[in-house]
């Protein structure tokens, strides 16, 4: 399963990240790139919610990255 990123409201003031049980750094980077594209279309402040409630383990080298 991949990391999902999506607008949490119609006004695009909240972007929500949903992390699955496991993920890797490539998935994180792809999702981060997608989020940056989404944010580039907005000219106002945006809040981020990182929903990690389902995460069971972190990727290798978590503290090093």
N, C-alpha and C. Protein backbone atom coordinates (compact mmCIF):
# COMPACT_ATOMS: atom_id res chain seq x y z
N UNK A 1 0.85 -1.18 0.00
CA UNK A 1 0.00 0.00 0.00
C UNK A 1 0.89 1.24 0.00
N UNK A 2 0.45 2.27 -0.69
CA UNK A 2 1.25 3.48 -0.78
C UNK A 2 0.74 4.56 0.18
N UNK A 3 1.51 5.60 0.30
CA UNK A 3 1.11 6.76 1.09
C UNK A 3 0.15 7.58 0.23
N UNK A 4 -0.94 8.02 0.81
CA UNK A 4 -1.91 8.85 0.09
C UNK A 4 -1.80 10.28 0.58
N UNK A 5 -1.97 11.22 -0.33
CA UNK A 5 -2.04 12.63 0.03
C UNK A 5 -3.21 13.23 -0.73
N UNK A 6 -4.03 14.02 -0.02
CA UNK A 6 -5.22 14.57 -0.65
C UNK A 6 -5.68 15.81 0.11
N UNK A 7 -6.48 16.62 -0.56
CA UNK A 7 -7.07 17.78 0.10
C UNK A 7 -8.13 17.29 1.07
N UNK A 8 -8.12 17.83 2.27
CA UNK A 8 -9.05 17.41 3.30
C UNK A 8 -10.31 18.28 3.34
N UNK A 9 -10.29 19.38 2.60
CA UNK A 9 -11.45 20.26 2.57
C UNK A 9 -11.58 20.91 1.20
N UNK A 10 -12.76 21.42 0.91
CA UNK A 10 -13.04 22.01 -0.40
C UNK A 10 -12.25 23.29 -0.66
N UNK A 11 -11.89 24.00 0.40
CA UNK A 11 -11.16 25.26 0.24
C UNK A 11 -9.66 25.08 0.09
N UNK A 12 -9.22 23.85 0.14
CA UNK A 12 -7.79 23.52 0.02
C UNK A 12 -6.96 24.26 1.06
N UNK A 13 -7.42 24.19 2.30
CA UNK A 13 -6.65 24.77 3.41
C UNK A 13 -5.98 23.70 4.25
N UNK A 14 -6.34 22.44 4.00
CA UNK A 14 -5.75 21.32 4.74
C UNK A 14 -5.36 20.23 3.75
N UNK A 15 -4.12 19.81 3.83
CA UNK A 15 -3.67 18.67 3.03
C UNK A 15 -3.39 17.53 4.01
N UNK A 16 -3.96 16.38 3.73
CA UNK A 16 -3.83 15.23 4.63
C UNK A 16 -2.98 14.15 3.98
N UNK A 17 -2.04 13.67 4.76
CA UNK A 17 -1.23 12.52 4.36
C UNK A 17 -1.73 11.32 5.15
N UNK A 18 -1.95 10.21 4.48
CA UNK A 18 -2.33 8.98 5.17
C UNK A 18 -1.23 7.94 4.92
N UNK A 19 -0.62 7.50 6.01
CA UNK A 19 0.47 6.52 5.92
C UNK A 19 -0.07 5.12 6.22
N UNK A 20 0.30 4.13 5.39
CA UNK A 20 -0.13 2.74 5.63
C UNK A 20 0.72 2.09 6.73
N UNK A 21 0.48 0.82 6.99
CA UNK A 21 1.23 0.10 8.03
C UNK A 21 2.73 0.18 7.81
N UNK A 22 3.17 0.01 6.58
CA UNK A 22 4.59 0.11 6.25
C UNK A 22 4.73 0.97 4.99
N UNK A 23 5.87 1.62 4.88
CA UNK A 23 6.18 2.41 3.69
C UNK A 23 7.69 2.51 3.57
N UNK A 24 8.15 2.90 2.40
CA UNK A 24 9.59 3.06 2.21
C UNK A 24 9.88 4.50 1.78
N UNK A 25 11.16 4.82 1.70
CA UNK A 25 11.55 6.20 1.40
C UNK A 25 11.19 6.60 -0.02
N UNK A 26 11.19 5.65 -0.96
CA UNK A 26 10.77 5.98 -2.33
C UNK A 26 9.30 6.39 -2.35
N UNK A 27 8.46 5.67 -1.62
CA UNK A 27 7.04 6.03 -1.54
C UNK A 27 6.87 7.41 -0.91
N UNK A 28 7.64 7.65 0.15
CA UNK A 28 7.55 8.96 0.80
C UNK A 28 7.95 10.07 -0.17
N UNK A 29 9.03 9.88 -0.91
CA UNK A 29 9.50 10.90 -1.84
C UNK A 29 8.48 11.15 -2.95
N UNK A 30 7.90 10.09 -3.49
CA UNK A 30 6.88 10.24 -4.53
C UNK A 30 5.68 11.02 -4.00
N UNK A 31 5.26 10.71 -2.79
CA UNK A 31 4.11 11.41 -2.20
C UNK A 31 4.47 12.85 -1.90
N UNK A 32 5.68 13.09 -1.44
CA UNK A 32 6.13 14.45 -1.17
C UNK A 32 6.13 15.27 -2.46
N UNK A 33 6.60 14.68 -3.54
CA UNK A 33 6.59 15.37 -4.83
C UNK A 33 5.15 15.71 -5.25
N UNK A 34 4.25 14.76 -5.05
CA UNK A 34 2.84 14.99 -5.39
C UNK A 34 2.27 16.13 -4.54
N UNK A 35 2.58 16.14 -3.26
CA UNK A 35 2.09 17.20 -2.37
C UNK A 35 2.63 18.56 -2.80
N UNK A 36 3.88 18.62 -3.20
CA UNK A 36 4.46 19.89 -3.65
C UNK A 36 3.75 20.42 -4.89
N UNK A 37 3.38 19.53 -5.79
CA UNK A 37 2.62 19.94 -6.98
C UNK A 37 1.26 20.49 -6.57
N UNK A 38 0.61 19.82 -5.64
CA UNK A 38 -0.69 20.28 -5.16
C UNK A 38 -0.56 21.66 -4.50
N UNK A 39 0.45 21.82 -3.67
CA UNK A 39 0.63 23.07 -2.94
C UNK A 39 1.02 24.23 -3.86
N UNK A 40 1.65 23.92 -4.98
CA UNK A 40 2.06 24.97 -5.91
C UNK A 40 0.86 25.67 -6.55
N UNK A 41 -0.31 25.06 -6.47
CA UNK A 41 -1.51 25.65 -7.07
C UNK A 41 -2.25 26.57 -6.10
N UNK A 42 -1.76 26.67 -4.87
CA UNK A 42 -2.46 27.40 -3.81
C UNK A 42 -1.64 28.61 -3.39
N UNK A 43 -2.34 29.73 -3.16
CA UNK A 43 -1.65 30.95 -2.75
C UNK A 43 -1.93 31.35 -1.31
N UNK A 44 -2.58 30.49 -0.55
CA UNK A 44 -2.86 30.79 0.85
C UNK A 44 -2.20 29.76 1.75
N UNK A 45 -2.25 30.03 3.04
CA UNK A 45 -1.66 29.12 4.03
C UNK A 45 -2.38 27.77 4.00
N UNK A 46 -1.61 26.70 4.11
CA UNK A 46 -2.18 25.34 4.11
C UNK A 46 -1.65 24.59 5.32
N UNK A 47 -2.55 23.97 6.05
CA UNK A 47 -2.18 23.11 7.17
C UNK A 47 -1.95 21.69 6.66
N UNK A 48 -1.05 20.97 7.31
CA UNK A 48 -0.79 19.57 6.96
C UNK A 48 -1.15 18.67 8.13
N UNK A 49 -1.81 17.58 7.81
CA UNK A 49 -2.10 16.55 8.80
C UNK A 49 -1.41 15.28 8.33
N UNK A 50 -0.56 14.74 9.18
CA UNK A 50 0.14 13.49 8.88
C UNK A 50 -0.52 12.40 9.71
N UNK A 51 -1.36 11.62 9.06
CA UNK A 51 -2.10 10.57 9.75
C UNK A 51 -1.26 9.29 9.77
N UNK A 52 -0.64 9.02 10.91
CA UNK A 52 0.25 7.87 11.03
C UNK A 52 -0.32 6.79 11.94
N UNK A 53 -1.61 6.85 12.21
CA UNK A 53 -2.19 5.92 13.18
C UNK A 53 -2.07 4.45 12.76
N UNK A 54 -1.96 4.17 11.47
CA UNK A 54 -1.89 2.79 10.99
C UNK A 54 -0.46 2.25 10.91
N UNK A 55 0.54 3.13 11.05
CA UNK A 55 1.94 2.72 10.86
C UNK A 55 2.36 1.71 11.93
N UNK A 56 2.89 0.59 11.46
CA UNK A 56 3.38 -0.47 12.36
C UNK A 56 4.90 -0.45 12.48
N UNK A 57 5.57 -0.01 11.42
CA UNK A 57 7.03 0.06 11.47
C UNK A 57 7.51 1.19 10.56
N UNK A 58 8.63 1.75 10.95
CA UNK A 58 9.22 2.85 10.18
C UNK A 58 10.25 2.30 9.21
N UNK A 59 10.51 3.03 8.13
CA UNK A 59 11.50 2.55 7.16
C UNK A 59 12.91 2.53 7.77
N UNK A 60 13.80 1.74 7.18
CA UNK A 60 15.19 1.73 7.65
C UNK A 60 15.79 3.13 7.59
N UNK A 61 16.70 3.41 8.49
CA UNK A 61 17.40 4.69 8.56
C UNK A 61 16.46 5.86 8.82
N UNK A 62 15.38 5.61 9.54
CA UNK A 62 14.39 6.65 9.80
C UNK A 62 15.02 7.89 10.44
N UNK A 63 15.86 7.69 11.42
CA UNK A 63 16.46 8.83 12.11
C UNK A 63 17.56 9.51 11.29
N UNK A 64 18.12 8.81 10.34
CA UNK A 64 19.20 9.37 9.53
C UNK A 64 18.66 10.24 8.40
N UNK A 65 17.41 10.04 8.00
CA UNK A 65 16.86 10.79 6.87
C UNK A 65 16.16 12.02 7.30
